[in-house]
């Protein structure tokens, strides 16, 4: 059987330093903490504007509720996305590492 050179593995991005990783995690928490009040505020402002234009009094409250619900939905989406990627790895990187580990095991069996 002729010798076949191994396919070089793509360069893996370097791991982030612990300090940088902590800043990224802090940014995610700050984003969640700011997101809910801001969406409620935007809903209230839009509702207050519509109250004035349409001469109603209930649209401001509905705007706050809709803004809060929209913010909560986004926070839940962020939490689900974070749950899919454990240890800060994106899904593609984890899958490629799993494939390369399986290839290494297969090479050991054939040799």
Protein backbone atom coordinates (compact mmCIF):
# COMPACT_ATOMS: atom_id res chain seq x y z
CA UNK A 1 0.00 0.00 0.00
CA UNK A 2 1.51 3.36 -0.98
CA UNK A 3 2.23 5.87 1.73
CA UNK A 4 -0.35 8.63 2.01
CA UNK A 5 0.51 11.82 3.77
CA UNK A 6 -1.82 12.78 6.57
CA UNK A 7 -4.17 15.63 5.94
CA UNK A 8 -3.05 18.54 8.08
CA UNK A 9 -5.66 19.65 10.55
CA UNK A 10 -6.90 23.17 10.30
CA UNK A 11 -5.41 25.57 12.78
CA UNK A 12 -7.57 25.83 15.85
CA UNK A 13 -8.09 29.30 17.20
CA UNK A 14 -6.15 29.91 20.37
CA UNK A 15 -7.97 29.74 23.65
CA UNK A 16 -8.95 33.05 25.15
CA UNK A 17 -7.09 34.16 28.22
CA UNK A 18 -8.98 33.70 31.49
CA UNK A 19 -9.27 37.46 31.98
CA UNK A 20 -10.76 37.95 28.54
CA UNK A 21 -13.15 35.05 29.06
CA UNK A 22 -14.36 36.61 32.31
CA UNK A 23 -14.99 39.91 30.52
CA UNK A 24 -17.03 38.14 27.86
CA UNK A 25 -19.16 36.44 30.51
CA UNK A 26 -19.62 39.74 32.36
CA UNK A 27 -20.71 41.42 29.12
CA UNK A 28 -23.38 38.77 28.61
CA UNK A 29 -24.74 39.30 32.12
CA UNK A 30 -24.72 43.08 31.72
CA UNK A 31 -26.55 42.74 28.42
CA UNK A 32 -29.28 40.69 30.08
CA UNK A 33 -29.55 43.14 32.99
CA UNK A 34 -29.92 46.14 30.68
CA UNK A 35 -32.13 44.48 28.07
CA UNK A 36 -35.33 44.03 30.08
CA UNK A 37 -35.66 47.60 31.41
CA UNK A 38 -34.75 49.11 28.03
CA UNK A 39 -37.35 47.09 26.14
CA UNK A 40 -40.01 48.05 28.69
CA UNK A 41 -38.95 51.72 28.39
CA UNK A 42 -39.12 51.63 24.59
CA UNK A 43 -42.57 50.00 24.79
CA UNK A 44 -43.72 52.67 27.22
CA UNK A 45 -42.41 55.50 25.03
CA UNK A 46 -44.10 54.07 21.94
CA UNK A 47 -47.31 53.55 23.89
CA UNK A 48 -47.24 57.06 25.34
CA UNK A 49 -46.76 58.50 21.86
CA UNK A 50 -49.69 56.47 20.55
CA UNK A 51 -51.76 57.53 23.60
CA UNK A 52 -51.20 61.15 22.67
CA UNK A 53 -51.88 60.68 18.97
CA UNK A 54 -54.96 58.47 19.38
CA UNK A 55 -56.33 60.20 22.53
CA UNK A 56 -56.40 56.97 24.52
CA UNK A 57 -55.08 56.12 27.99
CA UNK A 58 -54.47 52.38 27.89
CA UNK A 59 -51.89 52.04 25.09
CA UNK A 60 -48.96 53.11 27.31
CA UNK A 61 -49.61 50.22 29.69
CA UNK A 62 -49.94 47.82 26.77
CA UNK A 63 -46.64 49.14 25.38
CA UNK A 64 -44.85 48.46 28.68
CA UNK A 65 -46.27 44.92 28.76
CA UNK A 66 -45.39 44.20 25.14
CA UNK A 67 -41.90 45.62 25.60
CA UNK A 68 -41.35 43.49 28.70
CA UNK A 69 -42.57 40.36 26.93
CA UNK A 70 -40.33 41.07 23.93
CA UNK A 71 -37.32 41.54 26.23
CA UNK A 72 -38.12 38.35 28.12
CA UNK A 73 -38.41 36.36 24.88
CA UNK A 74 -35.01 37.65 23.78
CA UNK A 75 -33.43 36.78 27.14
CA UNK A 76 -34.83 33.25 26.88
CA UNK A 77 -33.41 32.93 23.35
CA UNK A 78 -30.01 34.04 24.63
CA UNK A 79 -30.17 31.51 27.47
CA UNK A 80 -31.08 28.68 25.10
CA UNK A 81 -28.25 29.64 22.75
CA UNK A 82 -25.80 29.67 25.65
CA UNK A 83 -27.03 26.25 26.77
CA UNK A 84 -26.32 24.79 23.32
CA UNK A 85 -22.66 25.84 23.45
CA UNK A 86 -21.06 24.51 26.63
CA UNK A 87 -17.75 25.95 27.84
CA UNK A 88 -17.90 28.86 25.42
CA UNK A 89 -17.25 26.68 22.34
CA UNK A 90 -19.35 27.19 19.29
CA UNK A 91 -21.15 24.14 17.92
CA UNK A 92 -19.01 23.83 14.78
CA UNK A 93 -15.75 23.78 16.71
CA UNK A 94 -17.01 21.15 19.14
CA UNK A 95 -18.26 18.99 16.26
CA UNK A 96 -14.95 19.25 14.39
CA UNK A 97 -13.01 18.32 17.54
CA UNK A 98 -15.29 15.31 18.00
CA UNK A 99 -14.71 14.20 14.39
CA UNK A 100 -10.94 14.56 14.70
CA UNK A 101 -10.98 12.52 17.92
CA UNK A 102 -12.92 9.76 16.16
CA UNK A 103 -10.48 9.80 13.25
CA UNK A 104 -7.62 9.34 15.70
CA UNK A 105 -9.35 6.34 17.23
CA UNK A 106 -10.02 4.86 13.78
CA UNK A 107 -6.35 5.22 12.81
CA UNK A 108 -5.32 3.29 15.90
CA UNK A 109 -7.60 0.39 14.94
CA UNK A 110 -6.36 0.06 11.35
CA UNK A 111 -2.65 0.22 12.08
